Amino acid sequence: MDTPDLLSLRRYGASPGSHSHDHFQILLGLSGALELEVEGRGVRVATGGGCVIAPGDRHDFESAGGSLCLVLDSAHPAWAALARLPGAMTPPAQALPLAHYLASALQQGRPLALAHGPALLRETWLADGWGPAAQAYAAPGPTRRRPIDWPALQQWAARRWHTELTVADLAAQVHLSPSQFAARCQGDQGMGAMAWLRSQRLAQARLLRSTGMAVAEVARRTGYRSPSALTAALRRTQHP
């Protein structure tokens, strides 16, 4: 992690994103609220809040109403203690005025803010033993996860039944890893990801058959290898 410390001012919108870094990423909310999912944990960075993301942690993010954050990309090992915390936190009171000053300096292109801002922010946030005592500042209550719009996902899949859909395809559509999606499917739908996929495919096949469509055409539209494969699958659900 030899990336030099870098400050930036970033606006997040309703369009979701997903990535990871090989360095720490520190976010301070200046306005709005940013919703993240960090390695399966829901995190909300509201105005005045903060979050430290560890190197390699995949994080999905979006802000329905728009959010402005001061972001520090840093390789300094002092951030490791905060990165181990499970969610959002409230930075020390003195860090927030500094964050607003640095944001203004960045907008005005002041070179000293870029040169010395990262060190000042680190010193302010971790001063007076705040880092070791950070657990006391963690946001209370359970962490939240961004909900999956299951009806929308079903509609998306229904337009692609003629292809070989996989769990990875479904996970990518909702900006999760395959393992995260599988866990969410089990928790939300009470079944594994592949079982959910099969159930939705069969539901579409039944719907098409109820309109009088020929078995062969239904099989073609829903991705079954042959009419007999579709017929067998329908019989299995009727007579377990």
Protein backbone atom coordinates (compact mmCIF):
# COMPACT_ATOMS: atom_id res chain seq x y z
CA MET A 1 0.00 0.00 0.00
CA ASP A 2 2.36 2.73 -1.19
CA THR A 3 -0.38 4.98 -2.58
CA PRO A 4 0.27 8.60 -1.49
CA ASP A 5 -2.43 10.19 0.65
CA LEU A 6 -4.95 11.99 -1.52
CA LEU A 7 -7.86 14.24 -0.57
CA SER A 8 -10.87 14.75 -2.82
CA LEU A 9 -14.39 16.09 -2.73
CA ARG A 10 -16.93 13.67 -4.19
CA ARG A 11 -20.60 13.86 -5.01
CA TYR A 12 -22.59 10.63 -4.97
CA GLY A 13 -25.95 10.15 -6.64
CA ALA A 14 -28.71 7.60 -7.13
CA SER A 15 -26.69 5.62 -9.68
CA PRO A 16 -25.12 2.71 -7.74
CA GLY A 17 -21.43 1.84 -7.84
CA SER A 18 -19.22 -0.95 -6.55
CA HIS A 19 -15.45 -1.34 -6.17
CA SER A 20 -12.56 -1.94 -3.77
CA HIS A 21 -9.16 -0.31 -3.17
CA ASP A 22 -5.71 -1.43 -2.07
CA HIS A 23 -5.60 1.42 0.49
CA PHE A 24 -7.74 2.79 3.31
CA GLN A 25 -10.59 5.07 2.32
CA ILE A 26 -11.93 7.57 4.84
CA LEU A 27 -15.25 9.29 4.16
CA LEU A 28 -16.71 12.26 6.03
CA GLY A 29 -20.29 13.28 5.23
CA LEU A 30 -20.67 16.98 4.45
CA SER A 31 -24.26 16.90 3.19
CA GLY A 32 -26.92 14.34 2.36
CA ALA A 33 -26.57 10.65 3.20
CA LEU A 34 -24.51 7.97 1.49
CA GLU A 35 -25.66 4.35 1.74
CA LEU A 36 -22.95 1.70 1.53
CA GLU A 37 -22.70 -2.03 1.83
CA VAL A 38 -19.17 -2.95 2.93
CA GLU A 39 -18.45 -6.67 2.72
CA GLY A 40 -22.13 -7.37 3.40
CA ARG A 41 -22.50 -4.83 6.24
CA GLY A 42 -24.89 -1.91 5.81
CA VAL A 43 -23.28 1.49 6.55
CA ARG A 44 -24.89 4.93 6.36
CA VAL A 45 -22.66 8.00 6.24
CA ALA A 46 -24.93 10.93 7.08
CA THR A 47 -24.02 14.61 7.40
CA GLY A 48 -21.38 14.88 10.12
CA GLY A 49 -20.71 11.13 10.10
CA GLY A 50 -17.76 9.14 8.93
CA CYS A 51 -16.58 5.74 7.82
CA VAL A 52 -13.19 4.05 7.36
CA ILE A 53 -13.02 1.28 4.74
CA ALA A 54 -10.18 -1.23 4.91
CA PRO A 55 -7.97 -2.16 1.94
CA GLY A 56 -9.56 -4.86 -0.18
CA ASP A 57 -13.06 -4.47 1.28
CA ARG A 58 -15.56 -4.41 -1.56
CA HIS A 59 -18.14 -1.68 -1.06
CA ASP A 60 -21.32 -0.86 -2.96
CA PHE A 61 -22.66 2.66 -2.69
CA GLU A 62 -25.46 4.96 -3.75
CA SER A 63 -27.26 8.08 -2.52
CA ALA A 64 -30.90 8.43 -3.52
CA GLY A 65 -31.04 12.12 -2.55
CA GLY A 66 -27.44 13.02 -3.35
CA SER A 67 -24.48 13.20 -0.99
CA LEU A 68 -21.29 15.24 -0.72
CA CYS A 69 -18.31 13.67 1.07
CA LEU A 70 -14.73 14.60 1.81
CA VAL A 71 -12.74 11.50 0.88
CA LEU A 72 -9.22 10.63 1.96
CA ASP A 73 -7.40 7.77 0.23
CA SER A 74 -4.54 6.79 2.51
CA ALA A 75 -1.97 4.07 3.01
CA HIS A 76 -1.12 5.19 6.56
CA PRO A 77 -1.35 2.23 8.99
CA ALA A 78 -2.85 4.39 11.76
CA TRP A 79 -6.26 4.01 10.11
CA ALA A 80 -6.28 0.24 10.66
CA ALA A 81 -7.85 0.48 14.15
CA LEU A 82 -10.84 2.40 12.82
CA ALA A 83 -11.22 0.18 9.75
CA ARG A 84 -11.94 -2.77 12.07
CA LEU A 85 -15.11 -1.10 13.39
CA PRO A 86 -18.36 -2.53 11.99
CA GLY A 87 -20.02 0.56 10.57
CA ALA A 88 -20.42 4.32 10.55
CA MET A 89 -18.98 6.48 13.31
CA THR A 90 -19.03 10.06 14.52
CA PRO A 91 -15.62 11.71 14.09
CA PRO A 92 -14.30 13.90 16.93
CA ALA A 93 -15.92 17.33 17.02
CA GLN A 94 -12.73 19.09 15.91
CA ALA A 95 -12.49 16.97 12.75
CA LEU A 96 -15.71 18.29 11.22
CA PRO A 97 -14.79 22.01 10.96
CA LEU A 98 -11.47 20.91 9.48
CA ALA A 99 -13.29 18.74 6.94
CA HIS A 100 -15.44 21.68 5.85
CA TYR A 101 -12.38 23.92 5.57
CA LEU A 102 -10.53 21.34 3.48
CA ALA A 103 -13.57 20.90 1.23
CA SER A 104 -13.68 24.66 0.62
CA ALA A 105 -9.92 24.76 0.00
CA LEU A 106 -10.19 21.94 -2.52
CA GLN A 107 -12.94 23.75 -4.39
CA GLN A 108 -10.76 26.86 -4.55
CA GLY A 109 -7.68 24.91 -5.64
CA ARG A 110 -5.48 25.83 -2.68
CA PRO A 111 -2.32 23.71 -2.96
CA LEU A 112 -1.57 23.67 0.78
CA ALA A 113 -4.85 21.84 1.44
CA LEU A 114 -3.83 19.06 -0.92
CA ALA A 115 -0.30 18.92 0.50
CA HIS A 116 -1.03 19.03 4.22
CA GLY A 117 -4.74 18.23 4.53
CA PRO A 118 -4.33 14.45 4.81
CA ALA A 119 -1.87 14.70 7.70
CA LEU A 120 -3.98 17.33 9.48
CA LEU A 121 -7.09 15.22 9.14
CA ARG A 122 -5.33 12.12 10.42
CA GLU A 123 -3.83 13.98 13.37
CA THR A 124 -7.17 15.55 14.27
CA TRP A 125 -9.22 12.37 13.92
CA LEU A 126 -6.77 10.14 15.81
CA ALA A 127 -5.67 12.65 18.44
CA ASP A 128 -6.08 12.22 22.19
CA GLY A 129 -6.44 8.47 22.04
CA TRP A 130 -9.61 8.64 19.96
CA GLY A 131 -8.44 5.81 17.70
CA PRO A 132 -8.06 3.18 20.48
CA ALA A 133 -11.33 4.34 22.05
CA ALA A 134 -13.20 4.50 18.74
CA GLN A 135 -15.64 1.74 19.57
CA ALA A 136 -17.43 4.15 21.90
CA TYR A 137 -18.13 6.39 18.93
CA ALA A 138 -19.56 3.72 16.67
CA ALA A 139 -23.12 4.43 15.57
CA PRO A 140 -25.62 2.67 17.85
CA GLY A 141 -28.14 0.09 16.76
CA PRO A 142 -27.94 -2.68 14.17
CA THR A 143 -26.27 -2.13 10.81
CA ARG A 144 -28.57 -1.85 7.82
CA ARG A 145 -28.37 -3.45 4.43
CA ARG A 146 -29.62 -1.97 1.22
CA PRO A 147 -32.79 -3.92 0.32
CA ILE A 148 -32.98 -6.01 -2.83
CA ASP A 149 -35.90 -5.16 -5.11
CA TRP A 150 -36.94 -8.77 -5.70
CA PRO A 151 -39.87 -8.01 -8.08
CA ALA A 152 -37.57 -5.88 -10.25
CA LEU A 153 -34.94 -8.63 -10.23
CA GLN A 154 -37.56 -11.20 -11.23
CA GLN A 155 -38.66 -9.00 -14.14
CA TRP A 156 -35.06 -8.54 -15.24
CA ALA A 157 -34.50 -12.32 -15.17
CA ALA A 158 -37.79 -13.00 -16.99
CA ARG A 159 -36.47 -11.11 -20.01
CA ARG A 160 -33.44 -13.41 -20.11
CA TRP A 161 -34.84 -16.89 -19.49
CA HIS A 162 -33.60 -17.95 -22.92
CA THR A 163 -30.00 -17.47 -21.69
CA GLU A 164 -27.97 -19.47 -19.17
CA LEU A 165 -28.48 -17.24 -16.13
CA THR A 166 -26.19 -17.84 -13.16
CA VAL A 167 -26.10 -16.70 -9.54
CA ALA A 168 -23.22 -14.41 -10.51
CA ASP A 169 -25.46 -12.73 -13.11
CA LEU A 170 -28.16 -12.08 -10.51
CA ALA A 171 -25.63 -10.87 -7.94
CA ALA A 172 -24.08 -8.42 -10.41
CA GLN A 173 -27.51 -6.98 -11.19
CA VAL A 174 -27.99 -5.98 -7.53
CA HIS A 175 -24.33 -5.03 -6.99
CA LEU A 176 -23.42 -7.88 -4.63
CA SER A 177 -20.88 -10.67 -4.74
CA PRO A 178 -22.31 -14.15 -5.50
CA SER A 179 -21.77 -15.24 -1.89
CA GLN A 180 -23.47 -12.10 -0.53
CA PHE A 181 -26.39 -12.57 -2.89
CA ALA A 182 -26.75 -16.24 -1.92
CA ALA A 183 -26.87 -15.29 1.77
CA ARG A 184 -29.41 -12.53 1.14
CA CYS A 185 -31.58 -14.85 -0.95
CA GLN A 186 -31.61 -17.43 1.83
CA GLY A 187 -32.53 -14.78 4.38
CA ASP A 188 -35.09 -12.85 2.30
CA GLN A 189 -36.66 -15.65 0.26
CA GLY A 190 -36.06 -18.69 2.48
CA MET A 191 -34.29 -20.63 -0.26
CA GLY A 192 -30.95 -20.85 -2.04
CA ALA A 193 -30.16 -18.64 -5.01
CA MET A 194 -30.42 -21.44 -7.59
CA ALA A 195 -33.70 -22.66 -6.06
CA TRP A 196 -35.09 -19.12 -6.32
CA LEU A 197 -33.95 -18.92 -9.93
CA ARG A 198 -35.64 -22.24 -10.77
CA SER A 199 -38.84 -21.23 -8.98
CA GLN A 200 -39.07 -18.00 -10.97
CA ARG A 201 -38.42 -19.79 -14.26
CA LEU A 202 -41.12 -22.34 -13.48
CA ALA A 203 -43.57 -19.62 -12.45
CA GLN A 204 -43.07 -17.95 -15.82
CA ALA A 205 -43.53 -21.28 -17.61
CA ARG A 206 -46.80 -21.93 -15.76
CA LEU A 207 -48.04 -18.46 -16.64
CA LEU A 208 -47.32 -18.97 -20.33
CA ARG A 209 -48.92 -22.42 -20.33
CA SER A 210 -52.06 -20.98 -18.73
CA THR A 211 -52.52 -18.79 -21.82
CA GLY A 212 -52.68 -21.91 -24.02
CA MET A 213 -49.19 -21.50 -25.46
CA ALA A 214 -47.70 -24.73 -26.84
CA VAL A 215 -45.26 -26.57 -24.57
CA ALA A 216 -42.49 -26.35 -27.15
CA GLU A 217 -42.79 -22.58 -27.37
CA VAL A 218 -42.93 -22.20 -23.59
CA ALA A 219 -39.80 -24.33 -23.26
CA ARG A 220 -38.00 -22.16 -25.81
CA ARG A 221 -38.98 -18.92 -24.10
CA THR A 222 -38.09 -20.05 -20.60
CA GLY A 223 -34.76 -21.69 -21.44
CA TYR A 224 -35.59 -25.40 -20.98
CA ARG A 225 -33.60 -27.81 -23.12
CA SER A 226 -36.70 -29.49 -24.55
CA PRO A 227 -40.48 -29.66 -24.10
CA SER A 228 -40.05 -32.92 -22.17
CA ALA A 229 -37.62 -31.25 -19.74
CA LEU A 230 -40.18 -28.54 -19.06
CA THR A 231 -42.98 -31.08 -18.63
CA ALA A 232 -40.89 -33.09 -16.16
CA ALA A 233 -40.03 -29.95 -14.16
CA LEU A 234 -43.71 -28.99 -13.93
CA ARG A 235 -44.67 -32.48 -12.80
CA ARG A 236 -42.01 -32.47 -10.06
CA THR A 237 -43.49 -29.34 -8.52
CA GLN A 238 -47.00 -30.80 -8.63
CA HIS A 239 -46.00 -34.17 -7.17
CA PRO A 240 -42.94 -33.77 -4.90
